[in-house]
């Protein structure tokens, strides 16, 4: 990914692209892959930059990607209200509202399985936050 010069006038998408470009290891490649999967699973979501991280919204907060030293976290803001038939949620399981998926180096991504909670989170917001 090419890096866009850093200024206060960057769009959220440009900030996300820069963050990915700054990560020269496995985390950058994984972040880019997650971004692609989010965009493909729910093309209606908007990219935003909040709390110094990438966030996707659609009628409310859908998910975010956080990058840490030893893992990359895909956080679903209303994950506790979503079904998890594939057992993907592996972090924040005790949280009142959120659920997350932590990815470690070398981990595989099941794109079809991951698309389900992404779509469900966007649909949840579109339905006004009603559990399905």
Protein backbone atom coordinates (compact mmCIF):
# COMPACT_ATOMS: atom_id res chain seq x y z
CA UNK A 1 0.00 0.00 0.00
CA UNK A 2 1.21 3.47 -0.74
CA UNK A 3 1.43 5.98 2.05
CA UNK A 4 -0.38 9.30 1.86
CA UNK A 5 1.46 12.24 3.46
CA UNK A 6 0.28 12.82 7.01
CA UNK A 7 -1.74 15.98 7.56
CA UNK A 8 -4.78 16.99 9.56
CA UNK A 9 -6.76 17.03 6.30
CA UNK A 10 -6.58 13.29 5.67
CA UNK A 11 -9.77 11.35 5.22
CA UNK A 12 -10.48 8.39 7.46
CA UNK A 13 -9.68 6.04 4.57
CA UNK A 14 -6.32 7.74 4.04
CA UNK A 15 -5.52 7.47 7.75
CA UNK A 16 -6.33 3.75 7.66
CA UNK A 17 -4.17 3.29 4.56
CA UNK A 18 -1.32 5.09 6.34
CA UNK A 19 -1.68 2.96 9.45
CA UNK A 20 -1.50 -0.19 7.36
CA UNK A 21 1.55 1.12 5.48
CA UNK A 22 3.28 1.92 8.78
CA UNK A 23 3.01 -1.72 9.84
CA UNK A 24 5.77 -3.46 7.89
CA UNK A 25 5.18 -6.86 9.50
CA UNK A 26 2.42 -9.48 9.60
CA UNK A 27 0.10 -7.03 11.38
CA UNK A 28 -0.07 -4.69 8.38
CA UNK A 29 -0.90 -7.53 6.00
CA UNK A 30 -3.56 -8.83 8.37
CA UNK A 31 -5.04 -5.36 8.90
CA UNK A 32 -5.25 -4.90 5.11
CA UNK A 33 -6.93 -8.31 4.74
CA UNK A 34 -9.47 -7.52 7.48
CA UNK A 35 -10.23 -4.17 5.85
CA UNK A 36 -10.85 -5.92 2.54
CA UNK A 37 -13.12 -8.51 4.18
CA UNK A 38 -15.12 -5.81 5.99
CA UNK A 39 -15.60 -3.85 2.76
CA UNK A 40 -16.63 -6.97 0.84
CA UNK A 41 -18.97 -8.33 3.50
CA UNK A 42 -20.77 -5.03 4.10
CA UNK A 43 -20.05 -2.54 1.30
CA UNK A 44 -22.49 -0.07 2.84
CA UNK A 45 -20.31 0.54 5.91
CA UNK A 46 -18.35 3.78 6.14
CA UNK A 47 -14.71 3.94 7.18
CA UNK A 48 -14.04 6.33 10.04
CA UNK A 49 -11.07 7.20 12.23
CA UNK A 50 -12.02 7.39 15.91
CA UNK A 51 -9.97 7.02 19.07
CA UNK A 52 -6.84 6.82 16.88
CA UNK A 53 -8.06 3.60 15.26
CA UNK A 54 -9.96 2.34 12.21
CA UNK A 55 -13.70 2.10 12.76
CA UNK A 56 -16.50 1.02 10.42
CA UNK A 57 -20.02 2.38 10.88
CA UNK A 58 -23.47 1.95 9.41
CA UNK A 59 -26.24 3.58 11.40
CA UNK A 60 -23.94 3.24 14.40
CA UNK A 61 -20.68 1.58 15.32
CA UNK A 62 -20.12 -1.76 13.57
CA UNK A 63 -16.53 -2.85 14.20
CA UNK A 64 -12.98 -1.63 14.61
CA UNK A 65 -9.49 -3.00 14.06
CA UNK A 66 -6.92 -2.51 16.77
CA UNK A 67 -3.25 -3.37 16.33
CA UNK A 68 -1.18 -4.58 19.26
CA UNK A 69 2.35 -5.95 19.63
CA UNK A 70 1.31 -9.62 19.55
CA UNK A 71 -2.16 -9.60 17.97
CA UNK A 72 -4.67 -7.75 15.83
CA UNK A 73 -8.15 -7.33 17.28
CA UNK A 74 -11.39 -7.13 15.30
CA UNK A 75 -13.85 -5.65 17.79
CA UNK A 76 -17.62 -5.76 17.31
CA UNK A 77 -19.19 -2.95 19.30
CA UNK A 78 -22.52 -4.76 19.74
CA UNK A 79 -21.10 -8.25 19.49
CA UNK A 80 -22.91 -9.54 22.57
CA UNK A 81 -26.16 -9.08 20.61
CA UNK A 82 -24.91 -11.07 17.63
CA UNK A 83 -25.10 -14.81 17.07
CA UNK A 84 -21.73 -16.54 16.76
CA UNK A 85 -22.54 -19.84 15.00
CA UNK A 86 -18.95 -20.33 13.88
CA UNK A 87 -17.45 -19.69 17.31
CA UNK A 88 -15.22 -16.88 16.06
CA UNK A 89 -15.45 -14.59 19.09
CA UNK A 90 -12.48 -15.39 21.29
CA UNK A 91 -11.97 -12.17 23.28
CA UNK A 92 -14.07 -9.94 25.46
CA UNK A 93 -16.54 -12.73 26.06
CA UNK A 94 -17.49 -11.36 29.48
CA UNK A 95 -18.08 -7.80 28.23
CA UNK A 96 -21.59 -6.44 28.48
CA UNK A 97 -21.89 -5.26 24.86
CA UNK A 98 -18.77 -5.99 22.81
CA UNK A 99 -17.16 -9.14 21.49
CA UNK A 100 -13.89 -9.48 19.63
CA UNK A 101 -11.74 -11.77 17.57
CA UNK A 102 -8.03 -11.73 18.32
CA UNK A 103 -5.76 -12.79 15.47
CA UNK A 104 -2.21 -13.93 16.14
CA UNK A 105 0.69 -14.37 13.71
CA UNK A 106 0.17 -17.20 11.26
CA UNK A 107 -3.51 -17.61 12.05
CA UNK A 108 -5.86 -18.51 9.24
CA UNK A 109 -8.89 -16.41 8.34
CA UNK A 110 -12.07 -18.12 7.20
CA UNK A 111 -13.38 -15.31 4.99
CA UNK A 112 -16.87 -16.78 4.60
CA UNK A 113 -17.27 -17.35 8.34
CA UNK A 114 -15.92 -13.88 9.18
CA UNK A 115 -18.30 -12.23 6.72
CA UNK A 116 -21.27 -13.45 8.80
CA UNK A 117 -20.70 -11.37 11.96
CA UNK A 118 -19.63 -8.36 9.87
CA UNK A 119 -22.91 -8.46 7.92
CA UNK A 120 -24.87 -9.22 11.09
CA UNK A 121 -23.37 -6.20 12.89
CA UNK A 122 -24.28 -3.86 10.01
CA UNK A 123 -27.77 -5.41 9.81
CA UNK A 124 -28.19 -5.04 13.57
CA UNK A 125 -27.65 -1.30 13.30
CA UNK A 126 -29.87 -1.03 10.22
CA UNK A 127 -32.65 -2.75 12.19
CA UNK A 128 -32.32 -0.20 14.93
CA UNK A 129 -30.41 -2.42 17.34
CA UNK A 130 -32.99 -5.18 17.54
CA UNK A 131 -31.69 -8.64 18.38
CA UNK A 132 -32.35 -11.23 15.69
